Amino acid sequence: MIHVVNITLYLMGWVLFVAGQAQNSIRSKSNGLDSGLRGLQQWLGFHLVNLAQRAFFCGLFYGFIVHTIGIKLQAAGFPITSYMVAGIGGWAANGLLYQIFGLIPGLRIEVAELAPPPNSQVVPVSPQPISTGAKQP
């Protein structure tokens, strides 16, 4: 039963990080995403491969984070439970991988490049006359 609760809390921490990241992107006016559910669908479409990679590696880290770190912290005298480690671990593992993948150009997602801002109109600018230094009559 403890394993099921730990996995659930780990996943909740992981999803919470993704939800915060998606909310920030959708609310931003500079990336051109629609608001609401449509914007979430667009964002998920842009980040699907990146999220799958992060989910895979976070899954690999689950045992290390929950068991090894939990045991070491308890041995050091910190009164924490494996539940706390699982929830924080899911959030932190996702955040760490988000930062690492952001440093690798092939894995970085730039939403502005995928969906330009809605107000990106080209406004022609009239050329300015060149001043020769001579006085005008």
N, C-alpha and C. Protein backbone atom coordinates (compact mmCIF):
# COMPACT_ATOMS: atom_id res chain seq x y z
N MET A 1 0.83 -1.20 0.00
CA MET A 1 0.00 0.00 0.00
C MET A 1 0.88 1.27 0.00
N ILE A 2 1.99 1.22 0.73
CA ILE A 2 2.88 2.38 0.78
C ILE A 2 3.43 2.68 -0.60
N HIS A 3 3.75 1.63 -1.37
CA HIS A 3 4.26 1.83 -2.73
C HIS A 3 3.26 2.57 -3.60
N VAL A 4 2.00 2.21 -3.51
CA VAL A 4 0.96 2.86 -4.33
C VAL A 4 0.83 4.33 -3.96
N VAL A 5 0.86 4.63 -2.68
CA VAL A 5 0.75 6.03 -2.23
C VAL A 5 1.99 6.81 -2.67
N ASN A 6 3.17 6.21 -2.53
CA ASN A 6 4.40 6.89 -2.96
C ASN A 6 4.36 7.19 -4.46
N ILE A 7 3.98 6.22 -5.25
CA ILE A 7 3.91 6.42 -6.70
C ILE A 7 2.89 7.49 -7.04
N THR A 8 1.74 7.47 -6.37
CA THR A 8 0.70 8.48 -6.62
C THR A 8 1.22 9.88 -6.28
N LEU A 9 1.86 10.03 -5.14
CA LEU A 9 2.39 11.34 -4.75
C LEU A 9 3.52 11.78 -5.67
N TYR A 10 4.35 10.86 -6.10
CA TYR A 10 5.43 11.17 -7.04
C TYR A 10 4.83 11.69 -8.35
N LEU A 11 3.82 11.00 -8.85
CA LEU A 11 3.15 11.43 -10.09
C LEU A 11 2.44 12.77 -9.91
N MET A 12 1.83 12.98 -8.74
CA MET A 12 1.16 14.25 -8.49
C MET A 12 2.17 15.40 -8.50
N GLY A 13 3.33 15.19 -7.89
CA GLY A 13 4.37 16.21 -7.91
C GLY A 13 4.85 16.48 -9.33
N TRP A 14 4.99 15.43 -10.12
CA TRP A 14 5.43 15.56 -11.52
C TRP A 14 4.40 16.34 -12.33
N VAL A 15 3.14 15.98 -12.20
CA VAL A 15 2.07 16.64 -12.96
C VAL A 15 1.90 18.09 -12.49
N LEU A 16 2.09 18.34 -11.21
CA LEU A 16 1.99 19.71 -10.69
C LEU A 16 3.02 20.62 -11.33
N PHE A 17 4.24 20.13 -11.51
CA PHE A 17 5.27 20.93 -12.17
C PHE A 17 4.87 21.22 -13.62
N VAL A 18 4.40 20.22 -14.33
CA VAL A 18 3.98 20.39 -15.73
C VAL A 18 2.81 21.36 -15.81
N ALA A 19 1.85 21.25 -14.89
CA ALA A 19 0.70 22.15 -14.90
C ALA A 19 1.12 23.60 -14.69
N GLY A 20 2.04 23.83 -13.78
CA GLY A 20 2.54 25.20 -13.56
C GLY A 20 3.26 25.74 -14.77
N GLN A 21 4.05 24.89 -15.40
CA GLN A 21 4.78 25.29 -16.61
C GLN A 21 3.80 25.61 -17.74
N ALA A 22 2.79 24.77 -17.93
CA ALA A 22 1.79 24.99 -18.99
C ALA A 22 0.99 26.26 -18.72
N GLN A 23 0.60 26.47 -17.47
CA GLN A 23 -0.17 27.66 -17.13
C GLN A 23 0.61 28.93 -17.43
N ASN A 24 1.89 28.95 -17.09
CA ASN A 24 2.71 30.13 -17.38
C ASN A 24 2.79 30.39 -18.87
N SER A 25 2.96 29.34 -19.66
CA SER A 25 3.07 29.51 -21.11
C SER A 25 1.75 29.97 -21.72
N ILE A 26 0.65 29.42 -21.27
CA ILE A 26 -0.66 29.78 -21.83
C ILE A 26 -1.03 31.21 -21.49
N ARG A 27 -0.72 31.64 -20.27
CA ARG A 27 -1.05 33.01 -19.86
C ARG A 27 -0.14 34.07 -20.46
N SER A 28 1.02 33.66 -20.95
CA SER A 28 1.96 34.61 -21.53
C SER A 28 1.40 35.16 -22.84
N LYS A 29 1.46 36.44 -23.00
CA LYS A 29 0.96 37.08 -24.23
C LYS A 29 1.99 37.03 -25.36
N SER A 30 3.23 36.67 -25.05
CA SER A 30 4.28 36.76 -26.05
C SER A 30 4.44 35.51 -26.91
N ASN A 31 3.77 34.40 -26.59
CA ASN A 31 4.03 33.18 -27.35
C ASN A 31 2.92 32.81 -28.33
N GLY A 32 1.81 33.49 -28.34
CA GLY A 32 0.78 33.27 -29.34
C GLY A 32 -0.12 32.07 -29.10
N LEU A 33 -0.09 31.46 -27.92
CA LEU A 33 -0.98 30.35 -27.64
C LEU A 33 -2.38 30.86 -27.32
N ASP A 34 -3.39 30.09 -27.71
CA ASP A 34 -4.76 30.43 -27.35
C ASP A 34 -4.92 30.26 -25.85
N SER A 35 -5.97 30.85 -25.30
CA SER A 35 -6.23 30.69 -23.87
C SER A 35 -7.12 29.46 -23.65
N GLY A 36 -7.16 29.01 -22.43
CA GLY A 36 -8.04 27.91 -22.06
C GLY A 36 -7.55 26.55 -22.54
N LEU A 37 -8.53 25.66 -22.75
CA LEU A 37 -8.22 24.29 -23.13
C LEU A 37 -7.53 24.20 -24.48
N ARG A 38 -7.90 25.06 -25.41
CA ARG A 38 -7.25 25.07 -26.73
C ARG A 38 -5.76 25.39 -26.61
N GLY A 39 -5.41 26.35 -25.77
CA GLY A 39 -4.02 26.69 -25.54
C GLY A 39 -3.26 25.55 -24.87
N LEU A 40 -3.92 24.85 -23.94
CA LEU A 40 -3.29 23.70 -23.30
C LEU A 40 -3.01 22.60 -24.32
N GLN A 41 -3.95 22.36 -25.22
CA GLN A 41 -3.75 21.35 -26.26
C GLN A 41 -2.59 21.74 -27.18
N GLN A 42 -2.50 23.01 -27.54
CA GLN A 42 -1.39 23.47 -28.37
C GLN A 42 -0.06 23.27 -27.63
N TRP A 43 -0.03 23.67 -26.38
CA TRP A 43 1.19 23.56 -25.59
C TRP A 43 1.62 22.10 -25.45
N LEU A 44 0.66 21.22 -25.16
CA LEU A 44 0.98 19.80 -25.04
C LEU A 44 1.49 19.23 -26.36
N GLY A 45 0.92 19.69 -27.47
CA GLY A 45 1.39 19.25 -28.78
C GLY A 45 2.83 19.66 -29.03
N PHE A 46 3.19 20.87 -28.64
CA PHE A 46 4.56 21.35 -28.82
C PHE A 46 5.55 20.60 -27.92
N HIS A 47 5.12 20.22 -26.72
CA HIS A 47 6.02 19.67 -25.71
C HIS A 47 5.89 18.16 -25.53
N LEU A 48 5.18 17.48 -26.38
CA LEU A 48 4.90 16.06 -26.18
C LEU A 48 6.17 15.21 -26.07
N VAL A 49 7.10 15.37 -26.97
CA VAL A 49 8.32 14.57 -26.93
C VAL A 49 9.15 14.92 -25.70
N ASN A 50 9.25 16.20 -25.40
CA ASN A 50 10.01 16.63 -24.24
C ASN A 50 9.41 16.07 -22.96
N LEU A 51 8.08 16.10 -22.83
CA LEU A 51 7.42 15.57 -21.64
C LEU A 51 7.61 14.06 -21.53
N ALA A 52 7.57 13.37 -22.66
CA ALA A 52 7.78 11.92 -22.65
C ALA A 52 9.19 11.58 -22.18
N GLN A 53 10.17 12.33 -22.63
CA GLN A 53 11.55 12.11 -22.18
C GLN A 53 11.68 12.36 -20.68
N ARG A 54 11.09 13.46 -20.22
CA ARG A 54 11.17 13.77 -18.80
C ARG A 54 10.44 12.72 -17.97
N ALA A 55 9.30 12.23 -18.44
CA ALA A 55 8.57 11.19 -17.72
C ALA A 55 9.40 9.91 -17.63
N PHE A 56 10.06 9.55 -18.71
CA PHE A 56 10.87 8.34 -18.73
C PHE A 56 12.01 8.43 -17.71
N PHE A 57 12.77 9.51 -17.75
CA PHE A 57 13.90 9.64 -16.84
C PHE A 57 13.46 9.83 -15.40
N CYS A 58 12.36 10.53 -15.18
CA CYS A 58 11.84 10.67 -13.82
C CYS A 58 11.40 9.31 -13.28
N GLY A 59 10.84 8.47 -14.15
CA GLY A 59 10.48 7.11 -13.74
C GLY A 59 11.70 6.30 -13.34
N LEU A 60 12.79 6.48 -14.06
CA LEU A 60 14.03 5.79 -13.70
C LEU A 60 14.57 6.28 -12.36
N PHE A 61 14.41 7.56 -12.08
CA PHE A 61 14.91 8.14 -10.84
C PHE A 61 14.02 7.84 -9.63
N TYR A 62 12.81 7.33 -9.86
CA TYR A 62 11.85 7.14 -8.77
C TYR A 62 12.44 6.35 -7.61
N GLY A 63 12.98 5.18 -7.90
CA GLY A 63 13.51 4.32 -6.83
C GLY A 63 14.63 4.99 -6.06
N PHE A 64 15.52 5.64 -6.78
CA PHE A 64 16.64 6.32 -6.11
C PHE A 64 16.13 7.44 -5.22
N ILE A 65 15.23 8.25 -5.75
CA ILE A 65 14.75 9.41 -5.00
C ILE A 65 13.97 8.99 -3.76
N VAL A 66 13.02 8.11 -3.93
CA VAL A 66 12.14 7.76 -2.81
C VAL A 66 12.86 6.89 -1.78
N HIS A 67 13.54 5.88 -2.22
CA HIS A 67 14.12 4.94 -1.26
C HIS A 67 15.48 5.38 -0.73
N THR A 68 16.42 5.62 -1.60
CA THR A 68 17.78 5.94 -1.15
C THR A 68 17.82 7.27 -0.41
N ILE A 69 17.25 8.30 -0.98
CA ILE A 69 17.29 9.61 -0.32
C ILE A 69 16.46 9.61 0.95
N GLY A 70 15.29 8.96 0.90
CA GLY A 70 14.45 8.86 2.10
C GLY A 70 15.17 8.19 3.25
N ILE A 71 15.85 7.10 2.98
CA ILE A 71 16.59 6.38 4.03
C ILE A 71 17.74 7.23 4.57
N LYS A 72 18.45 7.91 3.68
CA LYS A 72 19.59 8.74 4.12
C LYS A 72 19.12 9.93 4.97
N LEU A 73 18.00 10.54 4.58
CA LEU A 73 17.49 11.67 5.37
C LEU A 73 16.99 11.21 6.73
N GLN A 74 16.33 10.07 6.78
CA GLN A 74 15.86 9.55 8.06
C GLN A 74 17.03 9.14 8.94
N ALA A 75 18.08 8.56 8.34
CA ALA A 75 19.26 8.18 9.12
C ALA A 75 19.98 9.41 9.68
N ALA A 76 19.87 10.54 8.98
CA ALA A 76 20.48 11.78 9.46
C ALA A 76 19.65 12.45 10.55
N GLY A 77 18.48 11.89 10.85
CA GLY A 77 17.67 12.42 11.93
C GLY A 77 16.52 13.32 11.51
N PHE A 78 16.30 13.46 10.21
CA PHE A 78 15.18 14.28 9.75
C PHE A 78 13.89 13.47 9.85
N PRO A 79 12.90 13.99 10.53
CA PRO A 79 11.64 13.24 10.71
C PRO A 79 10.73 13.36 9.48
N ILE A 80 11.12 12.76 8.38
CA ILE A 80 10.31 12.83 7.17
C ILE A 80 9.82 11.43 6.82
N THR A 81 8.79 11.39 6.04
CA THR A 81 8.25 10.11 5.60
C THR A 81 8.56 9.92 4.12
N SER A 82 8.41 8.70 3.67
CA SER A 82 8.65 8.43 2.25
C SER A 82 7.61 9.15 1.40
N TYR A 83 6.44 9.44 1.98
CA TYR A 83 5.42 10.19 1.23
C TYR A 83 5.91 11.58 0.88
N MET A 84 6.54 12.24 1.83
CA MET A 84 7.06 13.58 1.57
C MET A 84 8.14 13.54 0.51
N VAL A 85 9.02 12.56 0.62
CA VAL A 85 10.10 12.44 -0.35
C VAL A 85 9.52 12.17 -1.74
N ALA A 86 8.49 11.34 -1.82
CA ALA A 86 7.90 11.01 -3.12
C ALA A 86 7.28 12.23 -3.78
N GLY A 87 6.49 13.00 -3.05
CA GLY A 87 5.85 14.17 -3.63
C GLY A 87 6.84 15.23 -4.07
N ILE A 88 7.77 15.55 -3.21
CA ILE A 88 8.78 16.55 -3.54
C ILE A 88 9.72 16.01 -4.62
N GLY A 89 10.00 14.72 -4.56
CA GLY A 89 10.89 14.10 -5.54
C GLY A 89 10.34 14.15 -6.95
N GLY A 90 9.05 13.90 -7.12
CA GLY A 90 8.44 13.96 -8.45
C GLY A 90 8.51 15.36 -9.03
N TRP A 91 8.23 16.34 -8.19
CA TRP A 91 8.28 17.74 -8.64
C TRP A 91 9.72 18.14 -8.95
N ALA A 92 10.63 17.80 -8.06
CA ALA A 92 12.02 18.21 -8.23
C ALA A 92 12.71 17.51 -9.39
N ALA A 93 12.42 16.21 -9.56
CA ALA A 93 13.03 15.48 -10.68
C ALA A 93 12.60 16.07 -12.01
N ASN A 94 11.33 16.41 -12.12
CA ASN A 94 10.82 17.01 -13.35
C ASN A 94 11.46 18.38 -13.56
N GLY A 95 11.57 19.16 -12.50
CA GLY A 95 12.20 20.48 -12.62
C GLY A 95 13.66 20.39 -13.02
N LEU A 96 14.36 19.45 -12.45
CA LEU A 96 15.77 19.27 -12.78
C LEU A 96 15.93 18.88 -14.24
N LEU A 97 15.14 17.93 -14.71
CA LEU A 97 15.24 17.51 -16.11
C LEU A 97 14.81 18.63 -17.05
N TYR A 98 13.83 19.43 -16.65
CA TYR A 98 13.40 20.57 -17.46
C TYR A 98 14.58 21.52 -17.67
N GLN A 99 15.34 21.77 -16.61
CA GLN A 99 16.49 22.65 -16.73
C GLN A 99 17.59 22.03 -17.57
N ILE A 100 17.86 20.75 -17.37
CA ILE A 100 18.91 20.07 -18.14
C ILE A 100 18.55 20.04 -19.62
N PHE A 101 17.31 19.65 -19.94
CA PHE A 101 16.90 19.59 -21.35
C PHE A 101 16.87 20.97 -21.98
N GLY A 102 16.66 22.01 -21.18
CA GLY A 102 16.69 23.37 -21.70
C GLY A 102 18.08 23.81 -22.14
N LEU A 103 19.10 23.16 -21.60
CA LEU A 103 20.47 23.50 -21.98
C LEU A 103 20.91 22.82 -23.27
N ILE A 104 20.20 21.78 -23.67
CA ILE A 104 20.54 21.03 -24.87
C ILE A 104 19.72 21.58 -26.03
N PRO A 105 20.35 22.25 -27.00
CA PRO A 105 19.59 22.93 -28.06
C PRO A 105 18.61 22.03 -28.82
N GLY A 106 18.94 20.79 -29.06
CA GLY A 106 18.03 19.90 -29.79
C GLY A 106 16.80 19.51 -29.01
N LEU A 107 16.84 19.64 -27.70
CA LEU A 107 15.70 19.26 -26.86
C LEU A 107 14.92 20.47 -26.36
N ARG A 108 15.45 21.66 -26.55
CA ARG A 108 14.80 22.87 -26.06
C ARG A 108 13.62 23.22 -26.97
N ILE A 109 12.51 23.60 -26.38
CA ILE A 109 11.32 23.99 -27.12
C ILE A 109 11.14 25.50 -26.97
N GLU A 110 11.16 26.18 -28.08
CA GLU A 110 10.89 27.62 -28.09
C GLU A 110 9.52 27.83 -28.70
N VAL A 111 8.53 28.09 -27.85
CA VAL A 111 7.17 28.23 -28.34
C VAL A 111 7.05 29.40 -29.29
N ALA A 112 7.78 30.46 -29.06
CA ALA A 112 7.69 31.64 -29.93
C ALA A 112 8.10 31.29 -31.36
N GLU A 113 9.01 30.34 -31.53
CA GLU A 113 9.41 29.93 -32.88
C GLU A 113 8.35 29.06 -33.54
N LEU A 114 7.60 28.32 -32.73
CA LEU A 114 6.58 27.43 -33.27
C LEU A 114 5.27 28.17 -33.56
N ALA A 115 4.92 29.10 -32.72
CA ALA A 115 3.68 29.86 -32.88
C ALA A 115 3.98 31.33 -32.65
N PRO A 116 4.19 32.09 -33.72
CA PRO A 116 4.52 33.50 -33.53
C PRO A 116 3.38 34.26 -32.84
N PRO A 117 3.69 35.34 -32.18
CA PRO A 117 2.66 36.12 -31.49
C PRO A 117 1.58 36.57 -32.45
N PRO A 118 0.33 36.65 -31.97
CA PRO A 118 -0.77 37.02 -32.86
C PRO A 118 -0.67 38.42 -33.42
N ASN A 119 0.02 39.32 -32.78
CA ASN A 119 0.13 40.70 -33.24
C ASN A 119 1.45 40.94 -33.97
N SER A 120 1.96 39.94 -34.66
CA SER A 120 3.25 40.08 -35.34
C SER A 120 3.05 40.57 -36.77
N GLN A 121 2.52 41.76 -36.90
CA GLN A 121 2.30 42.35 -38.21
C GLN A 121 3.53 43.15 -38.62
N VAL A 122 3.80 43.14 -39.92
CA VAL A 122 4.91 43.93 -40.44
C VAL A 122 4.35 45.29 -40.85
N VAL A 123 4.84 46.33 -40.23
CA VAL A 123 4.39 47.68 -40.53
C VAL A 123 5.48 48.37 -41.33
N PRO A 124 5.17 48.79 -42.56
CA PRO A 124 6.22 49.45 -43.36
C PRO A 124 6.58 50.81 -42.76
N VAL A 125 7.85 51.10 -42.82
CA VAL A 125 8.37 52.37 -42.31
C VAL A 125 8.86 53.17 -43.50
N SER A 126 8.39 54.42 -43.58
CA SER A 126 8.82 55.25 -44.71
C SER A 126 10.27 55.68 -44.49
N PRO A 127 11.05 55.70 -45.57
CA PRO A 127 12.48 56.07 -45.41
C PRO A 127 12.61 57.54 -45.03
N GLN A 128 13.59 57.80 -44.19
CA GLN A 128 13.87 59.15 -43.74
C GLN A 128 14.79 59.81 -44.76
N PRO A 129 14.55 61.11 -45.05
CA PRO A 129 15.46 61.80 -45.99
C PRO A 129 16.87 61.88 -45.41
N ILE A 130 17.83 61.73 -46.29
CA ILE A 130 19.23 61.78 -45.87
C ILE A 130 19.65 63.23 -45.79
N SER A 131 20.21 63.60 -44.68
CA SER A 131 20.65 64.97 -44.47
C SER A 131 22.06 65.13 -45.02
N THR A 132 22.23 66.15 -45.87
CA THR A 132 23.56 66.42 -46.46
C THR A 132 24.32 67.49 -45.71
N GLY A 133 23.66 68.10 -44.76
CA GLY A 133 24.34 69.15 -44.00
C GLY A 133 24.11 70.53 -44.60
N ALA A 134 23.60 70.60 -45.82
CA ALA A 134 23.34 71.89 -46.45
C ALA A 134 22.07 72.49 -45.89
N LYS A 135 22.04 73.83 -45.81
CA LYS A 135 20.86 74.51 -45.29
C LYS A 135 19.77 74.54 -46.33
N GLN A 136 18.58 74.31 -45.89
CA GLN A 136 17.41 74.37 -46.76
C GLN A 136 16.95 75.82 -46.85
N PRO A 137 16.51 76.32 -48.08
CA PRO A 137 16.06 77.73 -48.19
C PRO A 137 14.75 77.96 -47.53
